[in-house]
C-alpha cells in the first residue's frame, strides 16, 4: 500500500471517528441527570443523591421522601417532559405512580423539578407538585374512600309469602 493510500485511509478513519464524539446537548445531560436521580431515589440509593441535588435543597429533598419505602411504595416514575430555558437552567416534568401502604389505592402525582448547571453538572434546585394526588411528599393524606357502615338488607326466602 502506498503512502497516499495510507494517508487516505488515515484521513477517512479520523473523519469517521470525529462524528462519533459529538457533544451532548444540555437537554440530554439534564434528562440523564434527572433519570439517574429519580431512579436512585425510588430504590432508596440516597448515597447518589448528593451528586445530583444542590446542597441548598438536599435536606428538603431527603425529608420530602422520608415515607418512601416505609409508608408508601413508588410503583413507577416517568420523565414526561424536559424543557431547557437556556444552557444552565431547565425544567423536568415527572409523573409518579405510587401506593400508600395504609389503603393500597394507586395514586398519581405530577411533579415539576427545576434544574441548574453550575459548571459541575446538572443539579436539582427545587421541585413542586403540579397536579394529582397529595401525600407523595409527606403531606397529610386525604383518604380516597371514606369507610361506610355495613348495610344489612332484609332477606327473603324463596317460596315464602
Protein backbone atom coordinates (compact mmCIF):
# COMPACT_ATOMS: atom_id res chain seq x y z
CA UNK A 1 0.00 0.00 0.00
CA UNK A 2 1.42 3.34 -1.00
CA UNK A 3 1.92 6.39 1.18
CA UNK A 4 -1.00 8.21 -0.42
CA UNK A 5 -3.33 5.23 0.10
CA UNK A 6 -2.31 5.01 3.79
CA UNK A 7 -2.81 8.72 4.20
CA UNK A 8 -6.31 8.50 2.66
CA UNK A 9 -7.23 5.58 4.95
CA UNK A 10 -5.98 7.53 7.99
CA UNK A 11 -7.95 10.63 6.99
CA UNK A 12 -11.07 8.52 6.40
CA UNK A 13 -10.75 6.91 9.85
CA UNK A 14 -10.24 10.27 11.58
CA UNK A 15 -13.22 11.82 9.80
CA UNK A 16 -15.38 8.79 10.64
CA UNK A 17 -14.43 8.84 14.32
CA UNK A 18 -14.93 12.59 14.73
CA UNK A 19 -18.66 12.15 14.05
CA UNK A 20 -18.93 9.65 16.93
CA UNK A 21 -17.91 12.16 19.57
CA UNK A 22 -20.47 14.89 19.04
CA UNK A 23 -21.03 17.00 22.17
CA UNK A 24 -24.00 16.01 24.31
CA UNK A 25 -26.80 18.60 24.29
CA UNK A 26 -27.92 20.30 27.52
CA UNK A 27 -31.33 18.62 27.12
CA UNK A 28 -29.72 15.16 27.02
CA UNK A 29 -27.49 15.94 30.00
CA UNK A 30 -30.35 17.22 32.21
CA UNK A 31 -32.51 14.26 31.11
CA UNK A 32 -29.79 11.82 32.11
CA UNK A 33 -29.21 13.55 35.47
CA UNK A 34 -32.96 13.63 36.24
CA UNK A 35 -33.41 9.98 35.33
CA UNK A 36 -30.37 8.93 37.40
CA UNK A 37 -31.53 10.91 40.44
CA UNK A 38 -35.16 9.83 40.38
CA UNK A 39 -34.45 6.15 39.76
CA UNK A 40 -31.81 6.12 42.52
CA UNK A 41 -34.27 7.78 44.91
CA UNK A 42 -37.04 5.32 44.00
CA UNK A 43 -34.79 2.45 45.05
CA UNK A 44 -33.52 4.25 48.20
CA UNK A 45 -29.97 4.75 46.92
CA UNK A 46 -29.66 8.03 48.79
CA UNK A 47 -25.85 7.99 48.54
CA UNK A 48 -26.27 9.03 44.88
CA UNK A 49 -28.48 11.98 45.79
CA UNK A 50 -25.55 14.20 46.75
CA UNK A 51 -24.19 14.21 43.21
CA UNK A 52 -27.48 15.38 41.66
CA UNK A 53 -29.12 17.65 44.26
CA UNK A 54 -27.86 21.15 45.04
CA UNK A 55 -26.56 21.47 48.61
CA UNK A 56 -29.12 24.18 49.43
CA UNK A 57 -32.02 21.83 48.55
CA UNK A 58 -30.60 18.46 49.64
CA UNK A 59 -32.06 18.27 53.17
CA UNK A 60 -35.51 19.31 51.88
CA UNK A 61 -35.28 16.73 49.11
CA UNK A 62 -34.42 13.94 51.54
CA UNK A 63 -37.02 14.92 54.15
CA UNK A 64 -39.77 15.03 51.49
CA UNK A 65 -39.01 11.38 50.71
CA UNK A 66 -38.91 10.01 54.26
CA UNK A 67 -42.09 7.97 53.74
CA UNK A 68 -40.87 6.37 50.51
CA UNK A 69 -40.42 2.65 51.04
CA UNK A 70 -41.87 2.76 54.57
CA UNK A 71 -45.40 4.15 54.31
CA UNK A 72 -45.75 4.40 50.55
CA UNK A 73 -44.39 2.44 47.63
CA UNK A 74 -43.30 4.06 44.37
CA UNK A 75 -44.75 1.99 41.53
CA UNK A 76 -43.39 3.95 38.56
CA UNK A 77 -41.51 7.13 37.67
CA UNK A 78 -41.65 8.58 34.19
CA UNK A 79 -40.00 11.69 32.79
CA UNK A 80 -42.88 13.21 30.84
CA UNK A 81 -41.12 16.33 29.62
CA UNK A 82 -37.86 18.24 29.58
CA UNK A 83 -37.56 21.94 28.80
CA UNK A 84 -34.31 23.86 28.52
CA UNK A 85 -34.67 27.56 29.31
CA UNK A 86 -31.02 28.30 28.50
CA UNK A 87 -27.72 26.39 28.71
CA UNK A 88 -27.79 26.41 32.53
CA UNK A 89 -31.50 26.21 33.52
CA UNK A 90 -34.06 23.54 32.80
CA UNK A 91 -37.35 22.02 33.93
CA UNK A 92 -38.22 18.35 34.14
CA UNK A 93 -41.78 17.08 34.43
CA UNK A 94 -42.04 13.83 36.33
CA UNK A 95 -45.09 11.56 36.63
CA UNK A 96 -45.06 9.40 39.75
CA UNK A 97 -47.41 6.47 40.36
CA UNK A 98 -47.47 5.42 43.99
CA UNK A 99 -49.44 3.46 46.57
CA UNK A 100 -49.87 4.32 50.26
CA UNK A 101 -49.46 1.10 52.23
CA UNK A 102 -52.32 2.21 54.53
CA UNK A 103 -55.01 1.84 51.86
CA UNK A 104 -53.39 0.21 48.80
CA UNK A 105 -55.02 2.63 46.35
CA UNK A 106 -52.92 3.59 43.33
CA UNK A 107 -52.31 7.33 43.12
CA UNK A 108 -50.62 9.60 40.64
CA UNK A 109 -48.78 12.88 41.08
CA UNK A 110 -47.11 15.15 38.54
CA UNK A 111 -44.02 16.95 39.77
CA UNK A 112 -42.09 19.83 38.20
CA UNK A 113 -38.38 19.80 39.00
CA UNK A 114 -36.10 22.81 38.46
CA UNK A 115 -32.54 22.00 37.41
CA UNK A 116 -29.44 24.16 37.10
CA UNK A 117 -25.97 23.53 35.65
CA UNK A 118 -23.42 25.15 37.95
CA UNK A 119 -20.49 24.22 35.71
CA UNK A 120 -20.02 20.90 37.53
CA UNK A 121 -23.07 19.12 36.11
CA UNK A 122 -26.81 19.50 36.40
CA UNK A 123 -28.25 19.72 39.93
CA UNK A 124 -31.84 19.70 41.18
CA UNK A 125 -32.51 23.04 42.89
CA UNK A 126 -36.27 22.86 43.55
CA UNK A 127 -39.43 20.84 42.91
CA UNK A 128 -43.15 21.15 43.44
CA UNK A 129 -46.29 19.11 42.93
CA UNK A 130 -48.11 20.37 39.84
CA UNK A 131 -51.19 18.15 39.67
CA UNK A 132 -52.55 14.92 41.03
CA UNK A 133 -52.77 13.38 44.45
CA UNK A 134 -51.23 14.90 47.57
CA UNK A 135 -49.27 12.80 50.04
CA UNK A 136 -46.25 11.91 47.91
CA UNK A 137 -44.01 14.39 49.74
CA UNK A 138 -45.34 13.80 53.24
CA UNK A 139 -48.43 16.00 53.05
CA UNK A 140 -51.45 14.83 55.02
CA UNK A 141 -53.04 12.08 53.00
CA UNK A 142 -56.76 12.53 52.45
CA UNK A 143 -58.42 9.10 52.27
CA UNK A 144 -59.78 8.48 48.78
CA UNK A 145 -62.74 6.48 50.03
CA UNK A 146 -64.22 7.15 53.43
CA UNK A 147 -65.33 3.91 55.07
CA UNK A 148 -69.07 3.49 55.24
CA UNK A 149 -71.11 1.45 57.71
CA UNK A 150 -72.26 -2.02 56.76
CA UNK A 151 -75.81 -2.12 55.48
CA UNK A 152 -77.91 -5.22 56.14
CA UNK A 153 -80.85 -5.60 53.87
CA UNK A 154 -83.85 -7.75 54.84
CA UNK A 155 -83.69 -11.17 53.25
CA UNK A 156 -86.47 -13.23 51.76
CA UNK A 157 -86.72 -16.93 51.39
CA UNK A 158 -87.94 -18.33 48.11
CA UNK A 159 -91.37 -19.80 48.35
CA UNK A 160 -92.46 -17.69 51.31
CA UNK A 161 -95.29 -15.19 51.06
